[in-house]
Amino acid sequence: MREENGFLTEQNATIRRAEARDLPALGALLEQVEMVHHLGRPDLFKNGGRKYDDGQLLDMLPDDRRPIFVYDSAEDGVLGYAFCLLEDHAGDNVMTPIRTLYVDDICVFDHARGRGIGRAIYEYVRAYARQIGCHDLTLNVWECNPGARAFYERMGMRPYKTGMEDILT
């Protein structure tokens, strides 16, 4: 990997901020993620939904507090993304005044997995978080998606809190 003009590149691919022209790929990736969650927890996730619609995505694209990055291959187009959220804990009653980059989601198309794209996206997001002065990088991973958990552990992430439930119905 090398950096050119502020963008990480690898074999004719670039990781860059998402643009309006990326909406079809972002939508398809969001649908893929939703299906993984629906299959794992149909009691929580609808079949055929998307976390963000095109209007929400268009609002998010220019927002520096919610950067979206895409892995754009010269041959295949957008193959993956990372949705992020900048959290600033300054002024919090209990948290130290740190900045955190929360990874809302990383996804790579099924057909493009195993090529190092997810790792490249994660490393880019990690470098971006350092560049903007973040103390840490955080995310949530659903227990119904052990592949995602294993991926994040391979990236060096470790649990820092645990969500628990008691299903009543």
C-alpha atoms as a PDB file:
ATOM      1  CA  MET A   1       0.000   0.000   0.000  1.00  0.00           C
ATOM      2  CA  ARG A   2       1.124   3.535  -0.633  1.00  0.00           C
ATOM      3  CA  GLU A   3      -0.336   6.986  -0.146  1.00  0.00           C
ATOM      4  CA  GLU A   4      -0.877   9.293  -3.107  1.00  0.00           C
ATOM      5  CA  ASN A   5      -2.498  12.713  -2.777  1.00  0.00           C
ATOM      6  CA  GLY A   6      -3.896  11.756   0.619  1.00  0.00           C
ATOM      7  CA  PHE A   7      -5.476   8.539  -0.634  1.00  0.00           C
ATOM      8  CA  LEU A   8      -4.397   4.998   0.094  1.00  0.00           C
ATOM      9  CA  THR A   9      -3.903   2.954  -3.051  1.00  0.00           C
ATOM     10  CA  GLU A  10      -3.292  -0.722  -3.711  1.00  0.00           C
ATOM     11  CA  GLN A  11      -3.104  -2.303  -7.152  1.00  0.00           C
ATOM     12  CA  ASN A  12      -5.240   0.153  -9.135  1.00  0.00           C
ATOM     13  CA  ALA A  13      -7.564   0.850  -6.221  1.00  0.00           C
ATOM     14  CA  THR A  14      -8.151   3.906  -4.076  1.00  0.00           C
ATOM     15  CA  ILE A  15      -9.764   4.435  -0.709  1.00  0.00           C
ATOM     16  CA  ARG A  16     -11.533   7.788  -0.746  1.00  0.00           C
ATOM     17  CA  ARG A  17     -14.500   9.668   0.648  1.00  0.00           C
ATOM     18  CA  ALA A  18     -17.768   8.432  -0.794  1.00  0.00           C
ATOM     19  CA  GLU A  19     -19.554  10.567  -3.369  1.00  0.00           C
ATOM     20  CA  ALA A  20     -23.092  10.697  -4.745  1.00  0.00           C
ATOM     21  CA  ARG A  21     -22.030   8.529  -7.713  1.00  0.00           C
ATOM     22  CA  ASP A  22     -21.361   5.717  -5.194  1.00  0.00           C
ATOM     23  CA  LEU A  23     -24.994   5.476  -4.013  1.00  0.00           C
ATOM     24  CA  PRO A  24     -25.838   2.300  -5.990  1.00  0.00           C
ATOM     25  CA  ALA A  25     -22.856   0.401  -4.557  1.00  0.00           C
ATOM     26  CA  LEU A  26     -23.444   1.771  -1.049  1.00  0.00           C
ATOM     27  CA  GLY A  27     -27.080   0.675  -1.265  1.00  0.00           C
ATOM     28  CA  ALA A  28     -26.181  -2.833  -2.424  1.00  0.00           C
ATOM     29  CA  LEU A  29     -23.594  -3.203   0.347  1.00  0.00           C
ATOM     30  CA  LEU A  30     -26.071  -1.944   2.954  1.00  0.00           C
ATOM     31  CA  GLU A  31     -28.579  -4.533   1.742  1.00  0.00           C
ATOM     32  CA  GLN A  32     -25.925  -7.247   2.035  1.00  0.00           C
ATOM     33  CA  VAL A  33     -25.190  -6.239   5.641  1.00  0.00           C
ATOM     34  CA  GLU A  34     -28.882  -6.138   6.490  1.00  0.00           C
ATOM     35  CA  MET A  35     -29.363  -9.665   5.125  1.00  0.00           C
ATOM     36  CA  VAL A  36     -26.493 -11.018   7.263  1.00  0.00           C
ATOM     37  CA  HIS A  37     -28.115  -9.455  10.315  1.00  0.00           C
ATOM     38  CA  HIS A  38     -31.603 -10.615   9.339  1.00  0.00           C
ATOM     39  CA  LEU A  39     -30.444 -14.204   8.858  1.00  0.00           C
ATOM     40  CA  GLY A  40     -28.619 -14.105  12.187  1.00  0.00           C
ATOM     41  CA  ARG A  41     -31.333 -12.332  14.185  1.00  0.00           C
ATOM     42  CA  PRO A  42     -34.680 -12.284  12.346  1.00  0.00           C
ATOM     43  CA  ASP A  43     -36.314 -11.279  15.624  1.00  0.00           C
ATOM     44  CA  LEU A  44     -34.473  -7.934  15.430  1.00  0.00           C
ATOM     45  CA  PHE A  45     -33.710  -7.228  11.764  1.00  0.00           C
ATOM     46  CA  LYS A  46     -36.262  -6.921   8.954  1.00  0.00           C
ATOM     47  CA  ASN A  47     -35.860  -8.810   5.698  1.00  0.00           C
ATOM     48  CA  GLY A  48     -34.950  -6.500   2.825  1.00  0.00           C
ATOM     49  CA  GLY A  49     -34.264  -3.316   4.762  1.00  0.00           C
ATOM     50  CA  ARG A  50     -31.374  -0.886   4.680  1.00  0.00           C
ATOM     51  CA  LYS A  51     -29.839   1.050   7.544  1.00  0.00           C
ATOM     52  CA  TYR A  52     -29.765   4.265   5.463  1.00  0.00           C
ATOM     53  CA  ASP A  53     -31.828   5.254   2.431  1.00  0.00           C
ATOM     54  CA  ASP A  54     -30.414   7.320  -0.444  1.00  0.00           C
ATOM     55  CA  GLY A  55     -31.672  10.593   1.039  1.00  0.00           C
ATOM     56  CA  GLN A  56     -29.941   9.887   4.347  1.00  0.00           C
ATOM     57  CA  LEU A  57     -26.774   8.904   2.514  1.00  0.00           C
ATOM     58  CA  LEU A  58     -26.789  12.136   0.503  1.00  0.00           C
ATOM     59  CA  ASP A  59     -27.072  14.096   3.758  1.00  0.00           C
ATOM     60  CA  MET A  60     -24.180  12.140   5.278  1.00  0.00           C
ATOM     61  CA  LEU A  61     -21.725  12.415   2.366  1.00  0.00           C
ATOM     62  CA  PRO A  62     -20.485  15.977   3.060  1.00  0.00           C
ATOM     63  CA  ASP A  63     -20.645  15.602   6.870  1.00  0.00           C
ATOM     64  CA  ASP A  64     -17.122  15.500   8.320  1.00  0.00           C
ATOM     65  CA  ARG A  65     -18.520  14.124  11.589  1.00  0.00           C
ATOM     66  CA  ARG A  66     -19.883  11.087   9.673  1.00  0.00           C
ATOM     67  CA  PRO A  67     -17.292  10.276   7.008  1.00  0.00           C
ATOM     68  CA  ILE A  68     -17.987   7.426   4.626  1.00  0.00           C
ATOM     69  CA  PHE A  69     -15.007   5.877   2.853  1.00  0.00           C
ATOM     70  CA  VAL A  70     -15.124   3.553  -0.156  1.00  0.00           C
ATOM     71  CA  TYR A  71     -12.649   1.125  -1.649  1.00  0.00           C
ATOM     72  CA  ASP A  72     -12.777   1.942  -5.356  1.00  0.00           C
ATOM     73  CA  SER A  73     -11.147  -0.536  -7.744  1.00  0.00           C
ATOM     74  CA  ALA A  74     -10.256   0.705 -11.230  1.00  0.00           C
ATOM     75  CA  GLU A  75     -11.520  -2.591 -12.691  1.00  0.00           C
ATOM     76  CA  ASP A  76     -14.519  -3.374 -10.489  1.00  0.00           C
ATOM     77  CA  GLY A  77     -15.721  -0.073  -9.011  1.00  0.00           C
ATOM     78  CA  VAL A  78     -16.688   0.238  -5.362  1.00  0.00           C
ATOM     79  CA  LEU A  79     -16.094  -3.053  -3.564  1.00  0.00           C
ATOM     80  CA  GLY A  80     -16.423  -1.991   0.062  1.00  0.00           C
ATOM     81  CA  TYR A  81     -17.042   0.830   2.488  1.00  0.00           C
ATOM     82  CA  ALA A  82     -16.587   2.114   6.022  1.00  0.00           C
ATOM     83  CA  PHE A  83     -19.189   4.289   7.727  1.00  0.00           C
ATOM     84  CA  CYS A  84     -17.724   6.268  10.627  1.00  0.00           C
ATOM     85  CA  LEU A  85     -18.894   8.655  13.329  1.00  0.00           C
ATOM     86  CA  LEU A  86     -16.636  11.121  15.118  1.00  0.00           C
ATOM     87  CA  GLU A  87     -17.430  11.257  18.844  1.00  0.00           C
ATOM     88  CA  ASP A  88     -16.041  14.045  21.028  1.00  0.00           C
ATOM     89  CA  HIS A  89     -16.266  13.408  24.755  1.00  0.00           C
ATOM     90  CA  ALA A  90     -15.152  16.908  25.790  1.00  0.00           C
ATOM     91  CA  GLY A  91     -17.494  18.188  28.475  1.00  0.00           C
ATOM     92  CA  ASP A  92     -18.832  14.728  29.326  1.00  0.00           C
ATOM     93  CA  ASN A  93     -19.622  14.236  33.018  1.00  0.00           C
ATOM     94  CA  VAL A  94     -17.774  10.918  33.345  1.00  0.00           C
ATOM     95  CA  MET A  95     -15.659  10.367  30.226  1.00  0.00           C
ATOM     96  CA  THR A  96     -12.233  11.898  29.790  1.00  0.00           C
ATOM     97  CA  PRO A  97     -12.089  14.551  27.038  1.00  0.00           C
ATOM     98  CA  ILE A  98     -11.059  12.254  24.191  1.00  0.00           C
ATOM     99  CA  ARG A  99     -12.072  11.995  20.559  1.00  0.00           C
ATOM    100  CA  THR A 100     -13.178   8.585  19.301  1.00  0.00           C
ATOM    101  CA  LEU A 101     -13.800   7.442  15.765  1.00  0.00           C
ATOM    102  CA  TYR A 102     -16.692   4.992  15.954  1.00  0.00           C
ATOM    103  CA  VAL A 103     -16.863   2.574  13.014  1.00  0.00           C
ATOM    104  CA  ASP A 104     -20.559   2.261  12.298  1.00  0.00           C
ATOM    105  CA  ASP A 105     -19.961  -0.397   9.660  1.00  0.00           C
ATOM    106  CA  ILE A 106     -17.345  -1.927   7.374  1.00  0.00           C
ATOM    107  CA  CYS A 107     -18.524  -4.118   4.514  1.00  0.00           C
ATOM    108  CA  VAL A 108     -16.949  -5.738   1.460  1.00  0.00           C
ATOM    109  CA  PHE A 109     -19.004  -7.399  -1.267  1.00  0.00           C
ATOM    110  CA  ASP A 110     -19.151 -11.180  -0.769  1.00  0.00           C
ATOM    111  CA  HIS A 111     -17.569 -11.832  -4.174  1.00  0.00           C
ATOM    112  CA  ALA A 112     -14.571  -9.603  -3.339  1.00  0.00           C
ATOM    113  CA  ARG A 113     -13.694 -11.020   0.075  1.00  0.00           C
ATOM    114  CA  GLY A 114     -10.345 -12.631   0.744  1.00  0.00           C
ATOM    115  CA  ARG A 115      -8.431 -10.048  -1.317  1.00  0.00           C
ATOM    116  CA  GLY A 116      -7.347  -7.837   1.609  1.00  0.00           C
ATOM    117  CA  ILE A 117      -9.944  -5.158   0.900  1.00  0.00           C
ATOM    118  CA  GLY A 118     -11.430  -5.202   4.398  1.00  0.00           C
ATOM    119  CA  ARG A 119      -7.966  -4.943   5.940  1.00  0.00           C
ATOM    120  CA  ALA A 120      -7.072  -2.037   3.628  1.00  0.00           C
ATOM    121  CA  ILE A 121     -10.280  -0.200   4.575  1.00  0.00           C
ATOM    122  CA  TYR A 122      -9.707  -0.832   8.280  1.00  0.00           C
ATOM    123  CA  GLU A 123      -6.078   0.347   8.105  1.00  0.00           C
ATOM    124  CA  TYR A 124      -7.143   3.459   6.205  1.00  0.00           C
ATOM    125  CA  VAL A 125      -9.796   4.290   8.803  1.00  0.00           C
ATOM    126  CA  ARG A 126      -7.292   3.668  11.594  1.00  0.00           C
ATOM    127  CA  ALA A 127      -4.751   6.029   9.983  1.00  0.00           C
ATOM    128  CA  TYR A 128      -7.493   8.618   9.432  1.00  0.00           C
ATOM    129  CA  ALA A 129      -8.483   8.438  13.111  1.00  0.00           C
ATOM    130  CA  ARG A 130      -4.879   9.029  14.155  1.00  0.00           C
ATOM    131  CA  GLN A 131      -4.526  11.884  11.684  1.00  0.00           C
ATOM    132  CA  ILE A 132      -7.529  13.736  13.122  1.00  0.00           C
ATOM    133  CA  GLY A 133      -6.333  13.230  16.705  1.00  0.00           C
ATOM    134  CA  CYS A 134      -8.541  10.409  17.940  1.00  0.00           C
ATOM    135  CA  HIS A 135      -7.646   8.492  21.091  1.00  0.00           C
ATOM    136  CA  ASP A 136      -9.275   5.284  19.879  1.00  0.00           C
ATOM    137  CA  LEU A 137     -11.273   3.470  17.255  1.00  0.00           C
ATOM    138  CA  THR A 138     -14.418   1.667  18.450  1.00  0.00           C
ATOM    139  CA  LEU A 139     -17.258  -0.367  16.976  1.00  0.00           C
ATOM    140  CA  ASN A 140     -20.033  -2.780  17.845  1.00  0.00           C
ATOM    141  CA  VAL A 141     -20.181  -6.275  16.390  1.00  0.00           C
ATOM    142  CA  TRP A 142     -23.243  -8.514  16.544  1.00  0.00           C
ATOM    143  CA  GLU A 143     -22.736 -11.954  18.083  1.00  0.00           C
ATOM    144  CA  CYS A 144     -24.756 -13.424  15.199  1.00  0.00           C
ATOM    145  CA  ASN A 145     -21.879 -12.464  12.901  1.00  0.00           C
ATOM    146  CA  PRO A 146     -18.839 -14.428  14.135  1.00  0.00           C
ATOM    147  CA  GLY A 147     -16.976 -13.802  10.879  1.00  0.00           C
ATOM    148  CA  ALA A 148     -17.065 -10.050  11.487  1.00  0.00           C
ATOM    149  CA  ARG A 149     -15.907 -10.497  15.061  1.00  0.00           C
ATOM    150  CA  ALA A 150     -12.996 -12.677  13.922  1.00  0.00           C
ATOM    151  CA  PHE A 151     -12.061 -10.075  11.303  1.00  0.00           C
ATOM    152  CA  TYR A 152     -11.948  -7.255  13.849  1.00  0.00           C
ATOM    153  CA  GLU A 153      -9.919  -9.394  16.242  1.00  0.00           C
ATOM    154  CA  ARG A 154      -7.428 -10.061  13.426  1.00  0.00           C
ATOM    155  CA  MET A 155      -7.182  -6.296  13.002  1.00  0.00           C
ATOM    156  CA  GLY A 156      -6.073  -6.068  16.652  1.00  0.00           C
ATOM    157  CA  MET A 157      -9.341  -4.961  18.226  1.00  0.00           C
ATOM    158  CA  ARG A 158     -10.340  -6.234  21.653  1.00  0.00           C
ATOM    159  CA  PRO A 159     -13.664  -6.018  23.532  1.00  0.00           C
ATOM    160  CA  TYR A 160     -14.000  -3.009  25.818  1.00  0.00           C
ATOM    161  CA  LYS A 161     -17.634  -3.451  26.841  1.00  0.00           C
ATOM    162  CA  THR A 162     -20.310  -6.109  26.415  1.00  0.00           C
ATOM    163  CA  GLY A 163     -23.991  -5.707  25.568  1.00  0.00           C
ATOM    164  CA  MET A 164     -26.302  -8.276  27.103  1.00  0.00           C
ATOM    165  CA  GLU A 165     -29.950  -9.231  26.652  1.00  0.00           C
ATOM    166  CA  ASP A 166     -32.696 -11.375  28.161  1.00  0.00           C
ATOM    167  CA  ILE A 167     -35.258 -12.188  25.416  1.00  0.00           C
ATOM    168  CA  LEU A 168     -38.719 -12.131  26.964  1.00  0.00           C
ATOM    169  CA  THR A 169     -40.954 -13.211  24.067  1.00  0.00           C
END
